[in-house]
Amino acid sequence: MEQKQQLPNAVAVLVLGICSIVINCYGVGLILGIIGLALSSQGRRMYKENPASYDGWGNLNAGFIMSIIGVVIGAIWAFFWIFVVAIMGGSAYSFSHLMNQ
């Protein structure tokens, strides 16, 4: 009986996926999610080529899904802050323009 190999970076992708959701402030979650997605690509490709030879698909797939969720939440968070800064900047400009008249 052939011994199965562990998929590369399966545990690392799982940890990065969890951290990308939990630590999703100041762009950290977005960055961790992107790193998790990048690390998962090789393992996913290897497993799809020969699923009988590898263990750890559950960890890798769960980390991949959580990394996607972390990237989406991080992107929403980044767009929110860009929107807030744009509104604040527009308000400050309007206020300074009114004060100078």
N, C-alpha and C. Protein backbone atom coordinates (compact mmCIF):
# COMPACT_ATOMS: atom_id res chain seq x y z
N MET A 1 0.84 -1.18 0.00
CA MET A 1 0.00 0.00 0.00
C MET A 1 0.88 1.24 0.00
N GLU A 2 0.56 2.14 -0.89
CA GLU A 2 1.33 3.37 -1.05
C GLU A 2 0.96 4.37 0.05
N GLN A 3 1.99 4.96 0.65
CA GLN A 3 1.75 5.96 1.69
C GLN A 3 1.48 7.31 1.02
N LYS A 4 0.44 7.98 1.47
CA LYS A 4 0.06 9.27 0.89
C LYS A 4 0.95 10.38 1.42
N GLN A 5 1.28 11.29 0.54
CA GLN A 5 2.07 12.46 0.92
C GLN A 5 1.13 13.57 1.35
N GLN A 6 1.62 14.43 2.23
CA GLN A 6 0.86 15.61 2.65
C GLN A 6 0.97 16.67 1.55
N LEU A 7 -0.13 17.30 1.24
CA LEU A 7 -0.10 18.38 0.24
C LEU A 7 0.77 19.52 0.76
N PRO A 8 1.58 20.12 -0.12
CA PRO A 8 2.44 21.21 0.34
C PRO A 8 1.61 22.42 0.76
N ASN A 9 1.99 23.00 1.88
CA ASN A 9 1.40 24.24 2.40
C ASN A 9 -0.05 24.12 2.81
N ALA A 10 -0.57 22.91 3.01
CA ALA A 10 -1.98 22.75 3.36
C ALA A 10 -2.29 23.41 4.71
N VAL A 11 -1.45 23.17 5.69
CA VAL A 11 -1.68 23.77 7.01
C VAL A 11 -1.43 25.27 6.98
N ALA A 12 -0.41 25.70 6.24
CA ALA A 12 -0.12 27.13 6.13
C ALA A 12 -1.28 27.88 5.48
N VAL A 13 -1.87 27.30 4.45
CA VAL A 13 -3.01 27.93 3.77
C VAL A 13 -4.20 28.00 4.72
N LEU A 14 -4.41 26.95 5.51
CA LEU A 14 -5.51 26.96 6.47
C LEU A 14 -5.31 28.07 7.51
N VAL A 15 -4.10 28.19 8.04
CA VAL A 15 -3.81 29.23 9.03
C VAL A 15 -3.96 30.62 8.42
N LEU A 16 -3.45 30.80 7.22
CA LEU A 16 -3.58 32.11 6.55
C LEU A 16 -5.03 32.45 6.26
N GLY A 17 -5.82 31.45 5.88
CA GLY A 17 -7.24 31.69 5.63
C GLY A 17 -7.97 32.11 6.88
N ILE A 18 -7.70 31.43 7.99
CA ILE A 18 -8.33 31.80 9.25
C ILE A 18 -7.90 33.21 9.67
N CYS A 19 -6.62 33.48 9.60
CA CYS A 19 -6.11 34.79 10.00
C CYS A 19 -6.62 35.91 9.09
N SER A 20 -6.84 35.61 7.81
CA SER A 20 -7.33 36.65 6.90
C SER A 20 -8.74 37.09 7.26
N ILE A 21 -9.51 36.20 7.89
CA ILE A 21 -10.86 36.58 8.32
C ILE A 21 -10.81 37.24 9.69
N VAL A 22 -10.06 36.66 10.60
CA VAL A 22 -10.04 37.14 11.98
C VAL A 22 -9.31 38.48 12.10
N ILE A 23 -8.17 38.62 11.43
CA ILE A 23 -7.35 39.83 11.54
C ILE A 23 -7.60 40.73 10.33
N ASN A 24 -8.82 41.04 10.05
CA ASN A 24 -9.13 41.80 8.85
C ASN A 24 -9.25 43.28 9.16
N CYS A 25 -8.13 43.87 9.56
CA CYS A 25 -8.12 45.31 9.80
C CYS A 25 -6.86 45.89 9.17
N TYR A 26 -6.95 47.10 8.71
CA TYR A 26 -5.82 47.82 8.13
C TYR A 26 -5.17 47.09 6.96
N GLY A 27 -5.92 46.34 6.22
CA GLY A 27 -5.41 45.66 5.04
C GLY A 27 -4.65 44.38 5.31
N VAL A 28 -4.48 44.01 6.57
CA VAL A 28 -3.73 42.80 6.90
C VAL A 28 -4.47 41.56 6.39
N GLY A 29 -5.78 41.52 6.57
CA GLY A 29 -6.56 40.37 6.12
C GLY A 29 -6.52 40.21 4.61
N LEU A 30 -6.55 41.32 3.91
CA LEU A 30 -6.47 41.28 2.45
C LEU A 30 -5.14 40.69 2.01
N ILE A 31 -4.07 41.12 2.63
CA ILE A 31 -2.73 40.63 2.27
C ILE A 31 -2.59 39.15 2.62
N LEU A 32 -3.04 38.76 3.82
CA LEU A 32 -2.94 37.35 4.21
C LEU A 32 -3.79 36.46 3.31
N GLY A 33 -4.97 36.95 2.90
CA GLY A 33 -5.82 36.19 2.00
C GLY A 33 -5.18 35.98 0.64
N ILE A 34 -4.53 37.01 0.13
CA ILE A 34 -3.86 36.90 -1.17
C ILE A 34 -2.70 35.92 -1.08
N ILE A 35 -1.94 35.98 0.02
CA ILE A 35 -0.84 35.02 0.20
C ILE A 35 -1.38 33.59 0.30
N GLY A 36 -2.50 33.42 1.03
CA GLY A 36 -3.11 32.10 1.14
C GLY A 36 -3.56 31.55 -0.20
N LEU A 37 -4.14 32.42 -1.03
CA LEU A 37 -4.56 31.98 -2.37
C LEU A 37 -3.37 31.60 -3.23
N ALA A 38 -2.29 32.37 -3.12
CA ALA A 38 -1.10 32.06 -3.92
C ALA A 38 -0.47 30.74 -3.49
N LEU A 39 -0.41 30.49 -2.19
CA LEU A 39 0.19 29.25 -1.71
C LEU A 39 -0.67 28.03 -2.02
N SER A 40 -1.97 28.22 -2.12
CA SER A 40 -2.86 27.08 -2.36
C SER A 40 -2.86 26.60 -3.81
N SER A 41 -2.42 27.42 -4.72
CA SER A 41 -2.52 27.06 -6.14
C SER A 41 -1.73 25.80 -6.49
N GLN A 42 -0.51 25.67 -5.97
CA GLN A 42 0.30 24.50 -6.29
C GLN A 42 -0.32 23.22 -5.72
N GLY A 43 -0.76 23.28 -4.47
CA GLY A 43 -1.36 22.10 -3.85
C GLY A 43 -2.65 21.67 -4.52
N ARG A 44 -3.47 22.63 -4.92
CA ARG A 44 -4.73 22.31 -5.61
C ARG A 44 -4.44 21.64 -6.96
N ARG A 45 -3.45 22.16 -7.66
CA ARG A 45 -3.09 21.58 -8.95
C ARG A 45 -2.56 20.15 -8.78
N MET A 46 -1.70 19.94 -7.77
CA MET A 46 -1.14 18.61 -7.53
C MET A 46 -2.24 17.62 -7.16
N TYR A 47 -3.19 18.04 -6.33
CA TYR A 47 -4.25 17.14 -5.91
C TYR A 47 -5.16 16.78 -7.07
N LYS A 48 -5.46 17.74 -7.92
CA LYS A 48 -6.35 17.46 -9.05
C LYS A 48 -5.70 16.52 -10.06
N GLU A 49 -4.38 16.55 -10.17
CA GLU A 49 -3.68 15.64 -11.09
C GLU A 49 -3.70 14.20 -10.59
N ASN A 50 -3.55 14.01 -9.26
CA ASN A 50 -3.49 12.66 -8.71
C ASN A 50 -4.04 12.65 -7.28
N PRO A 51 -5.37 12.62 -7.11
CA PRO A 51 -5.97 12.71 -5.79
C PRO A 51 -5.66 11.54 -4.86
N ALA A 52 -5.34 10.39 -5.41
CA ALA A 52 -5.08 9.22 -4.57
C ALA A 52 -3.73 9.28 -3.86
N SER A 53 -2.85 10.15 -4.29
CA SER A 53 -1.50 10.21 -3.73
C SER A 53 -1.33 11.20 -2.58
N TYR A 54 -2.34 12.02 -2.31
CA TYR A 54 -2.14 13.11 -1.36
C TYR A 54 -3.19 13.13 -0.26
N ASP A 55 -2.74 13.55 0.92
CA ASP A 55 -3.60 13.83 2.06
C ASP A 55 -3.61 15.33 2.31
N GLY A 56 -4.60 15.80 3.04
CA GLY A 56 -4.64 17.21 3.41
C GLY A 56 -5.52 18.07 2.54
N TRP A 57 -6.33 17.43 1.70
CA TRP A 57 -7.20 18.20 0.80
C TRP A 57 -8.20 19.04 1.59
N GLY A 58 -8.71 18.51 2.69
CA GLY A 58 -9.69 19.24 3.50
C GLY A 58 -9.10 20.53 4.05
N ASN A 59 -7.88 20.45 4.59
CA ASN A 59 -7.23 21.65 5.11
C ASN A 59 -6.96 22.66 4.00
N LEU A 60 -6.47 22.17 2.88
CA LEU A 60 -6.13 23.06 1.77
C LEU A 60 -7.37 23.73 1.21
N ASN A 61 -8.44 22.96 1.02
CA ASN A 61 -9.66 23.52 0.44
C ASN A 61 -10.33 24.50 1.41
N ALA A 62 -10.35 24.16 2.70
CA ALA A 62 -10.94 25.07 3.70
C ALA A 62 -10.14 26.38 3.76
N GLY A 63 -8.82 26.27 3.73
CA GLY A 63 -7.98 27.47 3.73
C GLY A 63 -8.18 28.31 2.48
N PHE A 64 -8.35 27.64 1.35
CA PHE A 64 -8.60 28.34 0.08
C PHE A 64 -9.90 29.13 0.15
N ILE A 65 -10.95 28.49 0.65
CA ILE A 65 -12.26 29.16 0.75
C ILE A 65 -12.19 30.31 1.74
N MET A 66 -11.55 30.10 2.89
CA MET A 66 -11.44 31.18 3.87
C MET A 66 -10.56 32.32 3.36
N SER A 67 -9.57 32.01 2.56
CA SER A 67 -8.74 33.07 1.96
C SER A 67 -9.57 33.91 0.99
N ILE A 68 -10.43 33.26 0.22
CA ILE A 68 -11.32 34.01 -0.68
C ILE A 68 -12.23 34.94 0.14
N ILE A 69 -12.80 34.41 1.21
CA ILE A 69 -13.67 35.23 2.07
C ILE A 69 -12.88 36.38 2.67
N GLY A 70 -11.66 36.12 3.13
CA GLY A 70 -10.81 37.18 3.69
C GLY A 70 -10.47 38.25 2.68
N VAL A 71 -10.21 37.85 1.43
CA VAL A 71 -9.91 38.83 0.38
C VAL A 71 -11.14 39.68 0.09
N VAL A 72 -12.31 39.06 0.02
CA VAL A 72 -13.54 39.81 -0.26
C VAL A 72 -13.83 40.81 0.87
N ILE A 73 -13.74 40.34 2.11
CA ILE A 73 -13.97 41.24 3.25
C ILE A 73 -12.94 42.35 3.27
N GLY A 74 -11.67 42.01 3.01
CA GLY A 74 -10.61 43.02 2.97
C GLY A 74 -10.83 44.04 1.87
N ALA A 75 -11.29 43.60 0.71
CA ALA A 75 -11.56 44.53 -0.39
C ALA A 75 -12.72 45.46 -0.06
N ILE A 76 -13.76 44.91 0.55
CA ILE A 76 -14.90 45.75 0.97
C ILE A 76 -14.43 46.77 1.99
N TRP A 77 -13.61 46.33 2.95
CA TRP A 77 -13.08 47.22 3.97
C TRP A 77 -12.23 48.34 3.33
N ALA A 78 -11.39 47.98 2.36
CA ALA A 78 -10.55 48.98 1.69
C ALA A 78 -11.40 49.98 0.91
N PHE A 79 -12.41 49.51 0.18
CA PHE A 79 -13.28 50.43 -0.55
C PHE A 79 -14.06 51.32 0.39
N PHE A 80 -14.46 50.79 1.54
CA PHE A 80 -15.16 51.60 2.54
C PHE A 80 -14.27 52.75 2.99
N TRP A 81 -13.02 52.46 3.31
CA TRP A 81 -12.13 53.52 3.79
C TRP A 81 -11.78 54.52 2.68
N ILE A 82 -11.65 54.06 1.47
CA ILE A 82 -11.43 54.99 0.35
C ILE A 82 -12.63 55.92 0.22
N PHE A 83 -13.83 55.37 0.34
CA PHE A 83 -15.05 56.16 0.27
C PHE A 83 -15.11 57.18 1.41
N VAL A 84 -14.79 56.74 2.62
CA VAL A 84 -14.82 57.64 3.78
C VAL A 84 -13.81 58.77 3.61
N VAL A 85 -12.61 58.47 3.16
CA VAL A 85 -11.59 59.51 2.97
C VAL A 85 -12.03 60.47 1.87
N ALA A 86 -12.64 59.97 0.81
CA ALA A 86 -13.12 60.85 -0.26
C ALA A 86 -14.21 61.77 0.24
N ILE A 87 -15.14 61.27 1.02
CA ILE A 87 -16.21 62.09 1.58
C ILE A 87 -15.64 63.14 2.52
N MET A 88 -14.72 62.73 3.39
CA MET A 88 -14.11 63.66 4.34
C MET A 88 -13.32 64.75 3.60
N GLY A 89 -12.59 64.35 2.57
CA GLY A 89 -11.83 65.32 1.79
C GLY A 89 -12.74 66.31 1.08
N GLY A 90 -13.83 65.81 0.51
CA GLY A 90 -14.79 66.69 -0.15
C GLY A 90 -15.45 67.64 0.83
N SER A 91 -15.77 67.15 1.99
CA SER A 91 -16.38 67.99 3.02
C SER A 91 -15.41 69.06 3.50
N ALA A 92 -14.16 68.69 3.70
CA ALA A 92 -13.15 69.65 4.14
C ALA A 92 -12.93 70.71 3.08
N TYR A 93 -12.90 70.32 1.82
CA TYR A 93 -12.73 71.28 0.75
C TYR A 93 -13.92 72.24 0.69
N SER A 94 -15.13 71.71 0.78
CA SER A 94 -16.32 72.56 0.75
C SER A 94 -16.35 73.52 1.92
N PHE A 95 -15.97 73.04 3.11
CA PHE A 95 -15.97 73.89 4.29
C PHE A 95 -14.93 75.00 4.15
N SER A 96 -13.72 74.66 3.67
CA SER A 96 -12.68 75.69 3.51
C SER A 96 -13.06 76.69 2.41
N HIS A 97 -13.74 76.21 1.38
CA HIS A 97 -14.18 77.09 0.31
C HIS A 97 -15.23 78.08 0.82
N LEU A 98 -16.15 77.63 1.67
CA LEU A 98 -17.17 78.51 2.25
C LEU A 98 -16.56 79.52 3.20
N MET A 99 -15.55 79.15 3.94
CA MET A 99 -14.93 80.04 4.91
C MET A 99 -14.12 81.14 4.22
N ASN A 100 -13.64 80.88 3.00
CA ASN A 100 -12.83 81.87 2.28
C ASN A 100 -13.65 82.88 1.51
N GLN A 101 -14.97 82.72 1.48
CA GLN A 101 -15.81 83.66 0.72
C GLN A 101 -16.18 84.86 1.55
